[in-house]
C-alpha atoms as a PDB file:
ATOM      1  CA  MET A   1       7.152 -45.804  51.966  1.00  0.00           C
ATOM      2  CA  PHE A   2       7.629 -49.477  52.335  1.00  0.00           C
ATOM      3  CA  ASP A   3       9.292 -52.234  50.239  1.00  0.00           C
ATOM      4  CA  ASN A   4       9.298 -50.430  46.763  1.00  0.00           C
ATOM      5  CA  PRO A   5      10.280 -46.807  46.852  1.00  0.00           C
ATOM      6  CA  TRP A   6       9.991 -46.620  43.008  1.00  0.00           C
ATOM      7  CA  THR A   7       6.143 -46.789  43.205  1.00  0.00           C
ATOM      8  CA  VAL A   8       6.228 -43.285  44.846  1.00  0.00           C
ATOM      9  CA  GLY A   9       9.479 -41.785  44.382  1.00  0.00           C
ATOM     10  CA  ILE A  10      10.513 -39.803  41.421  1.00  0.00           C
ATOM     11  CA  THR A  11      13.675 -40.479  39.674  1.00  0.00           C
ATOM     12  CA  ALA A  12      15.732 -38.084  37.561  1.00  0.00           C
ATOM     13  CA  SER A  13      15.149 -40.308  34.460  1.00  0.00           C
ATOM     14  CA  GLU A  14      11.477 -40.235  34.999  1.00  0.00           C
ATOM     15  CA  PHE A  15      11.399 -36.396  35.466  1.00  0.00           C
ATOM     16  CA  VAL A  16      13.502 -35.875  32.417  1.00  0.00           C
ATOM     17  CA  GLU A  17      11.102 -37.921  30.386  1.00  0.00           C
ATOM     18  CA  ASN A  18       8.130 -36.334  31.708  1.00  0.00           C
ATOM     19  CA  PRO A  19       8.447 -33.217  33.874  1.00  0.00           C
ATOM     20  CA  LEU A  20       4.762 -33.210  34.674  1.00  0.00           C
ATOM     21  CA  ASN A  21       4.847 -36.721  36.073  1.00  0.00           C
ATOM     22  CA  PRO A  22       2.256 -36.943  38.948  1.00  0.00           C
ATOM     23  CA  LYS A  23       4.959 -38.578  41.119  1.00  0.00           C
ATOM     24  CA  VAL A  24       6.762 -35.128  41.444  1.00  0.00           C
ATOM     25  CA  ILE A  25       3.983 -34.118  43.936  1.00  0.00           C
ATOM     26  CA  LEU A  26       3.242 -37.715  45.192  1.00  0.00           C
ATOM     27  CA  SER A  27       6.783 -38.246  46.228  1.00  0.00           C
ATOM     28  CA  MET A  28       6.557 -35.223  48.689  1.00  0.00           C
ATOM     29  CA  PHE A  29       4.111 -37.075  50.691  1.00  0.00           C
ATOM     30  CA  ALA A  30       6.229 -40.272  51.160  1.00  0.00           C
ATOM     31  CA  HIS A  31       8.741 -40.660  53.490  1.00  0.00           C
ATOM     32  CA  ALA A  32      11.667 -43.172  54.157  1.00  0.00           C
ATOM     33  CA  GLY A  33      10.811 -43.761  57.942  1.00  0.00           C
ATOM     34  CA  ILE A  34       9.338 -42.364  60.945  1.00  0.00           C
ATOM     35  CA  PHE A  35      12.335 -40.159  61.890  1.00  0.00           C
ATOM     36  CA  HIS A  36      12.356 -38.715  58.358  1.00  0.00           C
ATOM     37  CA  ILE A  37       8.728 -37.549  58.585  1.00  0.00           C
ATOM     38  CA  LEU A  38       9.147 -36.322  62.270  1.00  0.00           C
ATOM     39  CA  GLY A  39      12.075 -34.300  61.263  1.00  0.00           C
ATOM     40  CA  ASN A  40      10.261 -32.625  58.491  1.00  0.00           C
ATOM     41  CA  MET A  41       7.125 -32.015  60.663  1.00  0.00           C
ATOM     42  CA  LEU A  42       9.219 -30.393  63.248  1.00  0.00           C
ATOM     43  CA  PHE A  43      10.611 -27.804  60.775  1.00  0.00           C
ATOM     44  CA  LEU A  44       7.024 -27.324  59.480  1.00  0.00           C
ATOM     45  CA  TYR A  45       5.562 -26.777  62.932  1.00  0.00           C
ATOM     46  CA  LYS A  46       8.528 -24.481  63.673  1.00  0.00           C
ATOM     47  CA  TYR A  47       8.084 -22.118  60.781  1.00  0.00           C
ATOM     48  CA  GLY A  48       4.928 -22.975  58.846  1.00  0.00           C
ATOM     49  CA  ASP A  49       2.225 -21.263  60.806  1.00  0.00           C
ATOM     50  CA  ASN A  50       3.395 -17.666  60.362  1.00  0.00           C
ATOM     51  CA  VAL A  51       3.991 -18.205  56.605  1.00  0.00           C
ATOM     52  CA  GLU A  52       0.436 -19.667  56.241  1.00  0.00           C
ATOM     53  CA  ALA A  53      -0.908 -16.656  58.313  1.00  0.00           C
ATOM     54  CA  ALA A  54       0.831 -14.252  55.954  1.00  0.00           C
ATOM     55  CA  MET A  55      -0.462 -16.001  52.719  1.00  0.00           C
ATOM     56  CA  GLY A  56      -3.826 -17.486  53.651  1.00  0.00           C
ATOM     57  CA  ARG A  57      -4.640 -21.133  53.379  1.00  0.00           C
ATOM     58  CA  LEU A  58      -5.149 -21.567  49.598  1.00  0.00           C
ATOM     59  CA  ARG A  59      -2.156 -19.417  48.737  1.00  0.00           C
ATOM     60  CA  TYR A  60      -0.109 -21.244  51.125  1.00  0.00           C
ATOM     61  CA  LEU A  61      -1.033 -24.552  49.602  1.00  0.00           C
ATOM     62  CA  LEU A  62      -0.365 -23.455  46.267  1.00  0.00           C
ATOM     63  CA  PHE A  63       3.136 -21.987  47.412  1.00  0.00           C
ATOM     64  CA  TYR A  64       3.826 -25.162  49.192  1.00  0.00           C
ATOM     65  CA  LEU A  65       3.231 -27.248  46.009  1.00  0.00           C
ATOM     66  CA  ALA A  66       5.158 -24.770  43.769  1.00  0.00           C
ATOM     67  CA  CYS A  67       8.236 -24.913  46.108  1.00  0.00           C
ATOM     68  CA  CYS A  68       7.861 -28.778  45.982  1.00  0.00           C
ATOM     69  CA  TYR A  69       8.147 -28.712  42.183  1.00  0.00           C
ATOM     70  CA  VAL A  70      11.185 -26.441  42.070  1.00  0.00           C
ATOM     71  CA  ALA A  71      12.821 -28.628  44.716  1.00  0.00           C
ATOM     72  CA  VAL A  72      12.324 -31.650  42.795  1.00  0.00           C
ATOM     73  CA  ALA A  73      13.430 -29.957  39.541  1.00  0.00           C
ATOM     74  CA  ALA A  74      16.708 -28.707  41.250  1.00  0.00           C
ATOM     75  CA  GLN A  75      17.567 -32.205  42.481  1.00  0.00           C
ATOM     76  CA  MET A  76      16.753 -33.817  39.063  1.00  0.00           C
ATOM     77  CA  LEU A  77      18.992 -31.173  37.329  1.00  0.00           C
ATOM     78  CA  PHE A  78      21.756 -32.081  39.696  1.00  0.00           C
ATOM     79  CA  ALA A  79      21.402 -35.726  38.810  1.00  0.00           C
ATOM     80  CA  SER A  80      21.300 -35.031  35.240  1.00  0.00           C
ATOM     81  CA  ALA A  81      24.506 -32.928  35.451  1.00  0.00           C
ATOM     82  CA  THR A  82      26.266 -35.801  37.127  1.00  0.00           C
ATOM     83  CA  GLY A  83      24.929 -38.389  34.769  1.00  0.00           C
ATOM     84  CA  LEU A  84      25.757 -41.255  37.192  1.00  0.00           C
ATOM     85  CA  PRO A  85      23.331 -44.118  37.166  1.00  0.00           C
ATOM     86  CA  ARG A  86      22.917 -44.037  40.873  1.00  0.00           C
ATOM     87  CA  GLN A  87      21.898 -40.390  40.789  1.00  0.00           C
ATOM     88  CA  MET A  88      19.641 -40.928  37.782  1.00  0.00           C
ATOM     89  CA  LEU A  89      17.935 -44.054  39.020  1.00  0.00           C
ATOM     90  CA  ALA A  90      17.577 -43.272  42.674  1.00  0.00           C
ATOM     91  CA  PRO A  91      13.880 -42.362  43.861  1.00  0.00           C
ATOM     92  CA  MET A  92      13.636 -39.311  45.831  1.00  0.00           C
ATOM     93  CA  VAL A  93      10.926 -38.966  48.674  1.00  0.00           C
ATOM     94  CA  GLY A  94      10.194 -36.522  51.308  1.00  0.00           C
ATOM     95  CA  ALA A  95       8.649 -33.150  52.074  1.00  0.00           C
ATOM     96  CA  SER A  96      12.003 -31.532  52.754  1.00  0.00           C
ATOM     97  CA  GLY A  97      12.013 -29.540  49.518  1.00  0.00           C
ATOM     98  CA  ALA A  98       8.771 -28.042  50.054  1.00  0.00           C
ATOM     99  CA  ILE A  99       9.433 -27.195  53.533  1.00  0.00           C
ATOM    100  CA  SER A 100      12.736 -25.581  52.695  1.00  0.00           C
ATOM    101  CA  GLY A 101      10.581 -23.288  50.580  1.00  0.00           C
ATOM    102  CA  VAL A 102       8.553 -22.508  53.758  1.00  0.00           C
ATOM    103  CA  LEU A 103      12.011 -21.501  55.375  1.00  0.00           C
ATOM    104  CA  GLY A 104      12.814 -19.302  52.437  1.00  0.00           C
ATOM    105  CA  ALA A 105       9.418 -17.577  52.714  1.00  0.00           C
ATOM    106  CA  TYR A 106       9.954 -17.177  56.569  1.00  0.00           C
ATOM    107  CA  ILE A 107      13.487 -15.616  56.346  1.00  0.00           C
ATOM    108  CA  TYR A 108      12.005 -13.106  53.824  1.00  0.00           C
ATOM    109  CA  LEU A 109       9.024 -12.312  55.822  1.00  0.00           C
ATOM    110  CA  TRP A 110      10.102 -12.605  59.467  1.00  0.00           C
ATOM    111  CA  PRO A 111      14.039 -12.379  59.556  1.00  0.00           C
ATOM    112  CA  GLY A 112      14.151 -10.749  62.883  1.00  0.00           C
ATOM    113  CA  SER A 113      11.893 -13.150  64.853  1.00  0.00           C
ATOM    114  CA  SER A 114      13.453 -15.293  67.535  1.00  0.00           C
ATOM    115  CA  THR A 115      13.857 -19.038  67.522  1.00  0.00           C
ATOM    116  CA  TYR A 116      15.851 -21.593  69.227  1.00  0.00           C
ATOM    117  CA  ARG A 117      18.926 -23.523  67.559  1.00  0.00           C
ATOM    118  CA  CYS A 118      20.057 -26.589  69.370  1.00  0.00           C
ATOM    119  CA  PHE A 119      23.443 -28.206  69.022  1.00  0.00           C
ATOM    120  CA  CYS A 120      23.964 -31.750  70.032  1.00  0.00           C
ATOM    121  CA  ILE A 121      27.247 -33.368  70.780  1.00  0.00           C
ATOM    122  CA  ARG A 122      27.114 -36.981  71.815  1.00  0.00           C
ATOM    123  CA  TYR A 123      24.415 -37.244  74.468  1.00  0.00           C
ATOM    124  CA  ALA A 124      24.133 -33.528  75.273  1.00  0.00           C
ATOM    125  CA  CYS A 125      22.232 -30.720  73.459  1.00  0.00           C
ATOM    126  CA  TYR A 126      22.684 -27.006  73.948  1.00  0.00           C
ATOM    127  CA  CYS A 127      20.044 -24.615  72.788  1.00  0.00           C
ATOM    128  CA  ARG A 128      20.298 -20.898  72.401  1.00  0.00           C
ATOM    129  CA  LYS A 129      17.966 -18.095  71.223  1.00  0.00           C
ATOM    130  CA  MET A 130      18.700 -16.554  68.112  1.00  0.00           C
ATOM    131  CA  ALA A 131      17.111 -14.539  65.123  1.00  0.00           C
ATOM    132  CA  ALA A 132      15.340 -16.730  62.557  1.00  0.00           C
ATOM    133  CA  ARG A 133      17.734 -15.254  59.830  1.00  0.00           C
ATOM    134  CA  TYR A 134      20.742 -16.748  61.582  1.00  0.00           C
ATOM    135  CA  ASP A 135      19.097 -20.048  62.422  1.00  0.00           C
ATOM    136  CA  ILE A 136      17.932 -20.649  58.705  1.00  0.00           C
ATOM    137  CA  ALA A 137      21.407 -19.334  57.440  1.00  0.00           C
ATOM    138  CA  ILE A 138      22.945 -21.978  59.457  1.00  0.00           C
ATOM    139  CA  TRP A 139      20.864 -24.627  58.138  1.00  0.00           C
ATOM    140  CA  ALA A 140      21.542 -23.360  54.650  1.00  0.00           C
ATOM    141  CA  GLY A 141      25.224 -23.356  55.060  1.00  0.00           C
ATOM    142  CA  PHE A 142      25.023 -26.837  56.517  1.00  0.00           C
ATOM    143  CA  GLN A 143      23.753 -28.158  53.175  1.00  0.00           C
ATOM    144  CA  PHE A 144      27.372 -27.698  51.715  1.00  0.00           C
ATOM    145  CA  LEU A 145      28.493 -30.246  54.470  1.00  0.00           C
ATOM    146  CA  LEU A 146      25.622 -32.595  54.297  1.00  0.00           C
ATOM    147  CA  PRO A 147      26.664 -34.606  51.134  1.00  0.00           C
ATOM    148  CA  LEU A 148      29.919 -35.549  52.983  1.00  0.00           C
ATOM    149  CA  LEU A 149      27.779 -36.856  56.060  1.00  0.00           C
ATOM    150  CA  GLU A 150      25.019 -38.501  54.264  1.00  0.00           C
ATOM    151  CA  PRO A 151      25.349 -38.804  50.496  1.00  0.00           C
ATOM    152  CA  SER A 152      21.939 -40.070  49.993  1.00  0.00           C
ATOM    153  CA  VAL A 153      20.123 -36.853  51.130  1.00  0.00           C
ATOM    154  CA  ALA A 154      18.697 -34.839  48.318  1.00  0.00           C
ATOM    155  CA  VAL A 155      20.638 -31.668  49.229  1.00  0.00           C
ATOM    156  CA  PHE A 156      19.763 -29.670  45.911  1.00  0.00           C
ATOM    157  CA  ALA A 157      15.983 -30.280  46.587  1.00  0.00           C
ATOM    158  CA  HIS A 158      16.606 -28.450  49.859  1.00  0.00           C
ATOM    159  CA  THR A 159      18.530 -25.535  48.389  1.00  0.00           C
ATOM    160  CA  GLY A 160      16.272 -25.329  45.412  1.00  0.00           C
ATOM    161  CA  GLY A 161      13.298 -25.189  47.626  1.00  0.00           C
ATOM    162  CA  LEU A 162      14.827 -22.531  49.636  1.00  0.00           C
ATOM    163  CA  ILE A 163      15.552 -20.322  46.805  1.00  0.00           C
ATOM    164  CA  ALA A 164      11.987 -20.863  45.504  1.00  0.00           C
ATOM    165  CA  GLY A 165      10.633 -19.726  48.919  1.00  0.00           C
ATOM    166  CA  VAL A 166      12.542 -16.557  49.015  1.00  0.00           C
ATOM    167  CA  ALA A 167      11.547 -15.825  45.508  1.00  0.00           C
ATOM    168  CA  LEU A 168       7.865 -16.598  45.635  1.00  0.00           C
ATOM    169  CA  ALA A 169       7.268 -15.117  49.029  1.00  0.00           C
ATOM    170  CA  PRO A 170       6.578 -11.638  47.766  1.00  0.00           C
ATOM    171  CA  LEU A 171       4.085 -12.991  45.254  1.00  0.00           C
ATOM    172  CA  PHE A 172       2.148 -15.194  47.623  1.00  0.00           C
ATOM    173  CA  ALA A 173       2.103 -13.204  50.822  1.00  0.00           C
ATOM    174  CA  LYS A 174      -0.642 -10.609  51.552  1.00  0.00           C
ATOM    175  CA  ARG A 175       0.665  -7.301  52.689  1.00  0.00           C
ATOM    176  CA  GLU A 176      -2.415  -6.710  54.792  1.00  0.00           C
ATOM    177  CA  ASN A 177      -1.819 -10.054  56.508  1.00  0.00           C
ATOM    178  CA  VAL A 178       1.696  -9.287  57.250  1.00  0.00           C
ATOM    179  CA  GLU A 179       0.963  -5.846  58.709  1.00  0.00           C
ATOM    180  CA  ARG A 180      -1.983  -7.382  60.729  1.00  0.00           C
ATOM    181  CA  LEU A 181       0.446  -9.990  62.277  1.00  0.00           C
ATOM    182  CA  ARG A 182       3.110  -7.416  63.042  1.00  0.00           C
ATOM    183  CA  GLU A 183       0.361  -5.310  64.699  1.00  0.00           C
ATOM    184  CA  ASP A 184      -0.799  -8.442  66.775  1.00  0.00           C
ATOM    185  CA  ILE A 185       2.809  -9.028  67.842  1.00  0.00           C
ATOM    186  CA  ARG A 186       3.019  -5.415  69.233  1.00  0.00           C
ATOM    187  CA  GLU A 187      -0.199  -6.073  71.085  1.00  0.00           C
ATOM    188  CA  GLY A 188       1.184  -9.128  72.800  1.00  0.00           C
ATOM    189  CA  LYS A 189      -1.042 -11.574  70.587  1.00  0.00           C
ATOM    190  CA  PHE A 190       1.344 -14.301  69.597  1.00  0.00           C
ATOM    191  CA  ARG A 191       2.263 -17.964  70.185  1.00  0.00           C
ATOM    192  CA  GLY A 192       5.715 -18.873  71.096  1.00  0.00           C
ATOM    193  CA  LEU A 193       8.755 -16.783  72.464  1.00  0.00           C
ATOM    194  CA  GLN A 194       8.526 -13.324  73.979  1.00  0.00           C
ATOM    195  CA  PRO A 195       9.765 -11.188  71.180  1.00  0.00           C
ATOM    196  CA  GLU A 196      12.482  -8.435  71.648  1.00  0.00           C
ATOM    197  CA  GLU A 197      11.328  -4.927  71.116  1.00  0.00           C
ATOM    198  CA  ASP A 198      12.897  -4.618  67.679  1.00  0.00           C
ATOM    199  CA  GLU A 199      12.022  -7.960  66.334  1.00  0.00           C
ATOM    200  CA  VAL A 200       8.796  -6.970  64.414  1.00  0.00           C
ATOM    201  CA  ILE A 201      10.512  -4.013  62.582  1.00  0.00           C
ATOM    202  CA  ILE A 202      13.587  -5.872  61.331  1.00  0.00           C
ATOM    203  CA  LYS A 203      12.919  -6.643  57.682  1.00  0.00           C
ATOM    204  CA  GLY A 204      16.418  -7.066  56.121  1.00  0.00           C
ATOM    205  CA  TRP A 205      19.441  -9.378  56.272  1.00  0.00           C
ATOM    206  CA  ASP A 206      22.877  -8.701  57.266  1.00  0.00           C
ATOM    207  CA  GLY A 207      25.997  -9.549  55.270  1.00  0.00           C
ATOM    208  CA  VAL A 208      26.449 -13.016  56.648  1.00  0.00           C
ATOM    209  CA  VAL A 209      23.003 -14.166  55.642  1.00  0.00           C
ATOM    210  CA  LYS A 210      23.291 -12.431  52.416  1.00  0.00           C
ATOM    211  CA  ALA A 211      26.585 -14.280  51.737  1.00  0.00           C
ATOM    212  CA  VAL A 212      25.193 -17.723  52.623  1.00  0.00           C
ATOM    213  CA  LEU A 213      22.008 -17.298  50.397  1.00  0.00           C
ATOM    214  CA  ALA A 214      24.050 -15.954  47.499  1.00  0.00           C
ATOM    215  CA  ALA A 215      26.373 -19.076  47.683  1.00  0.00           C
ATOM    216  CA  VAL A 216      23.276 -21.218  47.638  1.00  0.00           C
ATOM    217  CA  VAL A 217      21.779 -19.545  44.738  1.00  0.00           C
ATOM    218  CA  PHE A 218      25.204 -19.598  42.865  1.00  0.00           C
ATOM    219  CA  VAL A 219      25.639 -23.426  43.348  1.00  0.00           C
ATOM    220  CA  VAL A 220      22.045 -24.210  42.273  1.00  0.00           C
ATOM    221  CA  LEU A 221      22.365 -21.993  39.320  1.00  0.00           C
ATOM    222  CA  ILE A 222      25.494 -23.693  38.088  1.00  0.00           C
ATOM    223  CA  ILE A 223      23.974 -27.052  38.750  1.00  0.00           C
ATOM    224  CA  ALA A 224      20.890 -26.073  36.805  1.00  0.00           C
ATOM    225  CA  ILE A 225      23.036 -24.931  33.882  1.00  0.00           C
ATOM    226  CA  LEU A 226      24.949 -28.042  33.757  1.00  0.00           C
ATOM    227  CA  GLY A 227      21.960 -30.174  34.015  1.00  0.00           C
ATOM    228  CA  VAL A 228      20.119 -28.420  31.249  1.00  0.00           C
ATOM    229  CA  LYS A 229      23.348 -28.640  28.958  1.00  0.00           C
ATOM    230  CA  SER A 230      23.525 -32.449  29.530  1.00  0.00           C
ATOM    231  CA  HIS A 231      20.384 -32.654  27.525  1.00  0.00           C
ATOM    232  CA  THR A 232      20.922 -30.329  24.759  1.00  0.00           C
END
């Protein structure tokens, strides 16, 4: 994206006028700068390969695009609920919503797998190993604080995409692929961190993760209801 973000970015006004506007998908492939796309690609690299392996390439592509659409719709409904011109007319770009869907699928499929979460304070960063369900729950919880730090970020695209990912993962993932991947891990065939012995058998969420995801679902549903009512 260069001088004119409205050529590729989708606005709430355009979405309300035509929910099938091609820019819904086009906007996902445009970014506001190099750090925007690098940040998104980092999360896609971190979580995308195992989700793709569980679904297969074509299903993964369709899943990714579906999460993109839901993410855009969630942000557009939020803008409609506020009715503010700066929300209705601001163009949205970036793959964050679709990648949030990938995170949702990952937390559904592989909640016990290990990853690293880094916390940076000034010029120092501290990284620690933790289960993916906690890492993604921290990310989801942070979405409630993000509007205070950076109002221009499309937070409801992130949360809408996450919910779509959790909801659609059981439909798109192939059971035989998931079981094969779990067997590969047991046999030591994997890329990345050395897994703990119980990681491949953890299939659920604990109370903290459930509470965070429930809060995200609740907020997005309220926004969706308000956004729909604003046009009825």
